[in-house]
C-alpha atoms as a PDB file:
ATOM      1  CA  MET A   1      94.390  40.906  72.530  1.00  0.00           C
ATOM      2  CA  THR A   2      97.086  39.471  70.394  1.00  0.00           C
ATOM      3  CA  THR A   3      96.959  38.957  66.683  1.00  0.00           C
ATOM      4  CA  PRO A   4      97.492  35.516  65.138  1.00  0.00           C
ATOM      5  CA  GLU A   5     100.819  36.730  63.698  1.00  0.00           C
ATOM      6  CA  ARG A   6     102.120  37.770  67.110  1.00  0.00           C
ATOM      7  CA  ARG A   7     100.934  34.491  68.621  1.00  0.00           C
ATOM      8  CA  ALA A   8     102.709  32.539  65.875  1.00  0.00           C
ATOM      9  CA  ALA A   9     105.933  34.526  66.395  1.00  0.00           C
ATOM     10  CA  ARG A  10     105.902  33.700  70.120  1.00  0.00           C
ATOM     11  CA  ALA A  11     105.196  30.004  69.496  1.00  0.00           C
ATOM     12  CA  GLY A  12     108.805  29.415  68.443  1.00  0.00           C
ATOM     13  CA  MET A  13     110.374  31.179  71.424  1.00  0.00           C
ATOM     14  CA  PRO A  14     112.457  28.879  73.631  1.00  0.00           C
ATOM     15  CA  VAL A  15     111.147  28.339  77.149  1.00  0.00           C
ATOM     16  CA  ARG A  16     112.931  26.512  79.931  1.00  0.00           C
ATOM     17  CA  ILE A  17     111.248  25.528  83.168  1.00  0.00           C
ATOM     18  CA  TYR A  18     113.222  24.682  86.305  1.00  0.00           C
ATOM     19  CA  ARG A  19     112.155  23.679  89.768  1.00  0.00           C
ATOM     20  CA  LEU A  20     112.718  26.417  92.303  1.00  0.00           C
ATOM     21  CA  GLY A  21     116.225  26.024  93.685  1.00  0.00           C
ATOM     22  CA  HIS A  22     117.357  23.819  90.776  1.00  0.00           C
ATOM     23  CA  GLU A  23     118.061  26.601  88.266  1.00  0.00           C
ATOM     24  CA  PRO A  24     121.319  26.399  86.318  1.00  0.00           C
ATOM     25  CA  PRO A  25     124.103  28.674  87.583  1.00  0.00           C
ATOM     26  CA  ASP A  26     124.437  32.104  86.008  1.00  0.00           C
ATOM     27  CA  THR A  27     128.021  31.484  84.956  1.00  0.00           C
ATOM     28  CA  TRP A  28     127.390  33.022  81.524  1.00  0.00           C
ATOM     29  CA  LEU A  29     127.416  36.444  83.202  1.00  0.00           C
ATOM     30  CA  ALA A  30     131.059  36.047  84.145  1.00  0.00           C
ATOM     31  CA  CYS A  31     132.168  35.176  80.599  1.00  0.00           C
ATOM     32  CA  PRO A  32     131.279  38.104  78.314  1.00  0.00           C
ATOM     33  CA  THR A  33     133.390  41.234  78.238  1.00  0.00           C
ATOM     34  CA  ALA A  34     131.865  44.643  78.878  1.00  0.00           C
ATOM     35  CA  ALA A  35     131.763  45.266  75.117  1.00  0.00           C
ATOM     36  CA  GLU A  36     129.962  41.952  74.557  1.00  0.00           C
ATOM     37  CA  ARG A  37     127.424  42.764  77.279  1.00  0.00           C
ATOM     38  CA  LEU A  38     126.743  46.178  75.713  1.00  0.00           C
ATOM     39  CA  GLU A  39     126.252  44.481  72.356  1.00  0.00           C
ATOM     40  CA  MET A  40     123.756  42.077  73.980  1.00  0.00           C
ATOM     41  CA  VAL A  41     121.813  44.999  75.459  1.00  0.00           C
ATOM     42  CA  ALA A  42     121.729  46.731  72.069  1.00  0.00           C
ATOM     43  CA  ASP A  43     120.522  43.549  70.351  1.00  0.00           C
ATOM     44  CA  LEU A  44     117.860  42.891  72.998  1.00  0.00           C
ATOM     45  CA  SER A  45     116.635  46.487  72.851  1.00  0.00           C
ATOM     46  CA  GLU A  46     116.346  46.319  69.078  1.00  0.00           C
ATOM     47  CA  ARG A  47     114.433  43.044  69.275  1.00  0.00           C
ATOM     48  CA  MET A  48     112.031  44.420  71.878  1.00  0.00           C
ATOM     49  CA  PHE A  49     111.140  47.382  69.664  1.00  0.00           C
ATOM     50  CA  GLU A  50     110.544  44.935  66.790  1.00  0.00           C
ATOM     51  CA  ILE A  51     108.359  42.698  68.975  1.00  0.00           C
ATOM     52  CA  ALA A  52     106.414  45.718  70.211  1.00  0.00           C
ATOM     53  CA  GLY A  53     105.904  46.836  66.623  1.00  0.00           C
ATOM     54  CA  ARG A  54     107.262  50.284  67.416  1.00  0.00           C
ATOM     55  CA  PRO A  55     110.098  52.164  65.760  1.00  0.00           C
ATOM     56  CA  ALA A  56     113.320  52.487  67.714  1.00  0.00           C
ATOM     57  CA  PRO A  57     113.981  56.016  68.995  1.00  0.00           C
ATOM     58  CA  SER A  58     115.974  58.150  66.584  1.00  0.00           C
ATOM     59  CA  TYR A  59     117.134  60.879  68.970  1.00  0.00           C
ATOM     60  CA  THR A  60     120.781  61.295  69.905  1.00  0.00           C
ATOM     61  CA  ARG A  61     122.146  60.819  73.389  1.00  0.00           C
ATOM     62  CA  ALA A  62     122.491  64.595  73.746  1.00  0.00           C
ATOM     63  CA  THR A  63     118.813  65.146  72.935  1.00  0.00           C
ATOM     64  CA  MET A  64     117.308  62.276  74.952  1.00  0.00           C
ATOM     65  CA  PRO A  65     113.980  63.210  76.507  1.00  0.00           C
ATOM     66  CA  ILE A  66     114.714  63.071  80.233  1.00  0.00           C
ATOM     67  CA  ARG A  67     113.460  64.762  83.365  1.00  0.00           C
ATOM     68  CA  VAL A  68     115.606  65.393  86.427  1.00  0.00           C
ATOM     69  CA  ALA A  69     113.673  65.090  89.684  1.00  0.00           C
ATOM     70  CA  ARG A  70     115.478  66.636  92.645  1.00  0.00           C
ATOM     71  CA  LEU A  71     114.906  65.018  96.028  1.00  0.00           C
ATOM     72  CA  ALA A  72     113.734  67.415  98.702  1.00  0.00           C
END
């Protein structure tokens, strides 16, 4: 279930609907530099943690919790 606050926050989110096959071209992907794309990913990640109501991870890259699974 969602809370009224979360519902209200989503009410202002922009939504665009296109007919299948009539979507606008993805030309915006060709424009940003690698640095700009990384900045977008960082901004989106930060926003998703805010939307989820969870704190962003505070570990460093060297101490990231990962697991290496070797293929047999």
